[in-house]
């Protein structure tokens, strides 16, 4: 199955400060800014387009339970994940299963833009957090 980069997720401490860098220095445009308090998300998200590439800035809204807060505590701010667009998420999951690649089932969800997504187990991806996503009609 063909996979293309959909977006890059960046863990940040201060969303406004980070938005300023991505817009003023990199020339990006903010296309959305929202808060998701969903279990396992608990993040403020700013979605930007920078020269045709989508970037998501992710700041924790709960410093105890947010996965972004845990990530920043363990690894510091910076690249959190790379998301790959797949044509059909269900087919891609079957392909991963056949290849022996595990996913983090508790991360499967649909976001406010209708993007279905799931994270692959970093133990099977050389330590990189990989998201698979699709946009069903």
Protein backbone atom coordinates (compact mmCIF):
# COMPACT_ATOMS: atom_id res chain seq x y z
CA UNK A 1 0.00 0.00 0.00
CA UNK A 2 1.25 3.46 -0.90
CA UNK A 3 2.08 5.75 2.03
CA UNK A 4 2.79 9.47 1.88
CA UNK A 5 3.67 11.89 4.64
CA UNK A 6 0.51 13.55 5.92
CA UNK A 7 1.96 15.72 8.67
CA UNK A 8 4.60 16.04 11.34
CA UNK A 9 3.60 16.42 15.00
CA UNK A 10 5.79 18.67 17.14
CA UNK A 11 5.60 18.58 20.95
CA UNK A 12 5.81 22.11 22.39
CA UNK A 13 5.48 23.71 25.80
CA UNK A 14 4.02 27.05 24.67
CA UNK A 15 1.70 26.93 21.66
CA UNK A 16 1.60 30.70 21.08
CA UNK A 17 5.39 31.03 21.16
CA UNK A 18 5.72 28.08 18.79
CA UNK A 19 3.05 29.44 16.42
CA UNK A 20 4.99 32.70 16.25
CA UNK A 21 8.15 30.85 15.16
CA UNK A 22 6.35 28.75 12.54
CA UNK A 23 4.50 31.74 11.09
CA UNK A 24 7.09 34.53 11.39
CA UNK A 25 10.29 32.59 10.71
CA UNK A 26 9.11 29.69 8.53
CA UNK A 27 6.31 31.55 6.78
CA UNK A 28 3.58 29.13 7.83
CA UNK A 29 -0.15 29.75 7.96
CA UNK A 30 -2.32 28.64 10.87
CA UNK A 31 -5.30 26.72 9.46
CA UNK A 32 -6.79 25.52 12.75
CA UNK A 33 -6.27 25.86 16.49
CA UNK A 34 -8.26 23.80 18.98
CA UNK A 35 -8.16 21.95 22.28
CA UNK A 36 -8.88 18.23 22.53
CA UNK A 37 -9.58 16.97 26.03
CA UNK A 38 -10.32 13.45 24.76
CA UNK A 39 -8.79 10.69 26.85
CA UNK A 40 -5.33 9.89 25.55
CA UNK A 41 -5.06 13.22 23.74
CA UNK A 42 -5.42 16.10 26.24
CA UNK A 43 -3.64 18.58 24.00
CA UNK A 44 -3.92 22.00 22.50
CA UNK A 45 -3.32 21.66 18.76
CA UNK A 46 -2.32 24.28 16.20
CA UNK A 47 -2.38 23.04 12.61
CA UNK A 48 -0.18 24.95 10.18
CA UNK A 49 0.76 24.74 6.54
CA UNK A 50 4.41 25.46 5.88
CA UNK A 51 5.32 25.40 2.18
CA UNK A 52 2.83 22.64 1.39
CA UNK A 53 3.63 20.50 4.42
CA UNK A 54 1.20 20.23 7.31
CA UNK A 55 2.63 20.58 10.80
CA UNK A 56 0.76 20.04 14.06
CA UNK A 57 2.01 21.82 17.16
CA UNK A 58 0.97 19.84 20.23
CA UNK A 59 0.98 21.29 23.75
CA UNK A 60 -0.27 19.35 26.78
CA UNK A 61 -3.40 20.60 28.53
CA UNK A 62 -2.86 18.28 31.49
CA UNK A 63 0.70 17.93 32.78
CA UNK A 64 -0.13 14.65 34.54
CA UNK A 65 -2.06 12.54 32.04
CA UNK A 66 -1.41 14.06 28.61
CA UNK A 67 0.77 11.85 26.39
CA UNK A 68 2.43 15.03 25.11
CA UNK A 69 3.35 16.01 28.68
CA UNK A 70 4.88 12.55 29.22
CA UNK A 71 6.78 12.82 25.93
CA UNK A 72 8.21 16.25 26.83
CA UNK A 73 9.16 15.03 30.32
CA UNK A 74 10.99 11.99 28.89
CA UNK A 75 12.49 13.37 25.67
CA UNK A 76 12.02 17.13 25.68
CA UNK A 77 10.15 19.20 23.15
CA UNK A 78 10.59 18.51 19.45
CA UNK A 79 9.39 16.05 16.83
CA UNK A 80 6.74 13.85 18.43
CA UNK A 81 5.49 11.83 15.46
CA UNK A 82 5.41 11.46 11.71
CA UNK A 83 2.02 10.70 10.20
CA UNK A 84 1.63 8.72 7.00
CA UNK A 85 -1.53 8.91 4.93
CA UNK A 86 -2.79 5.53 3.74
CA UNK A 87 -5.65 4.94 1.31
CA UNK A 88 -7.59 2.71 3.72
CA UNK A 89 -6.67 2.48 7.40
CA UNK A 90 -8.35 -0.91 7.87
CA UNK A 91 -6.40 -2.43 4.95
CA UNK A 92 -3.18 -0.85 6.23
CA UNK A 93 -3.77 -2.40 9.66
CA UNK A 94 -4.20 -5.83 8.06
CA UNK A 95 -0.95 -5.31 6.17
CA UNK A 96 0.84 -4.36 9.39
CA UNK A 97 -0.54 -7.44 11.14
CA UNK A 98 0.78 -9.66 8.33
CA UNK A 99 4.18 -7.99 8.73
CA UNK A 100 4.20 -8.54 12.49
CA UNK A 101 4.04 -4.81 13.28
CA UNK A 102 1.98 -3.99 16.36
CA UNK A 103 -0.21 -0.94 16.86
CA UNK A 104 -1.30 0.87 19.99
CA UNK A 105 -5.00 -0.03 19.88
CA UNK A 106 -5.93 2.51 22.55
CA UNK A 107 -4.81 5.34 20.21
CA UNK A 108 -7.29 4.53 17.44
CA UNK A 109 -9.75 7.37 16.97
CA UNK A 110 -11.22 9.92 14.61
CA UNK A 111 -10.24 13.55 15.05
CA UNK A 112 -12.42 16.62 14.56
CA UNK A 113 -11.47 16.81 10.87
CA UNK A 114 -12.68 13.26 10.15
CA UNK A 115 -9.17 11.83 10.04
CA UNK A 116 -9.06 8.24 11.29
CA UNK A 117 -5.75 7.48 12.95
CA UNK A 118 -3.77 5.02 14.99
CA UNK A 119 -0.19 4.94 16.27
CA UNK A 120 2.20 2.07 15.57
CA UNK A 121 4.08 0.54 18.48
CA UNK A 122 7.44 2.37 18.68
CA UNK A 123 9.07 -0.90 19.74
CA UNK A 124 8.43 -2.08 16.16
CA UNK A 125 9.41 1.18 14.39
CA UNK A 126 12.98 1.66 15.60
CA UNK A 127 11.71 3.97 18.36
CA UNK A 128 9.96 6.49 16.11
CA UNK A 129 6.31 7.30 16.81
CA UNK A 130 4.50 6.65 13.52
CA UNK A 131 0.86 7.52 12.90
CA UNK A 132 -1.18 5.94 10.12
CA UNK A 133 -4.21 7.93 9.01
CA UNK A 134 -6.88 8.12 6.36
CA UNK A 135 -9.72 10.47 5.48
CA UNK A 136 -12.81 8.37 4.73
CA UNK A 137 -15.60 10.12 2.87
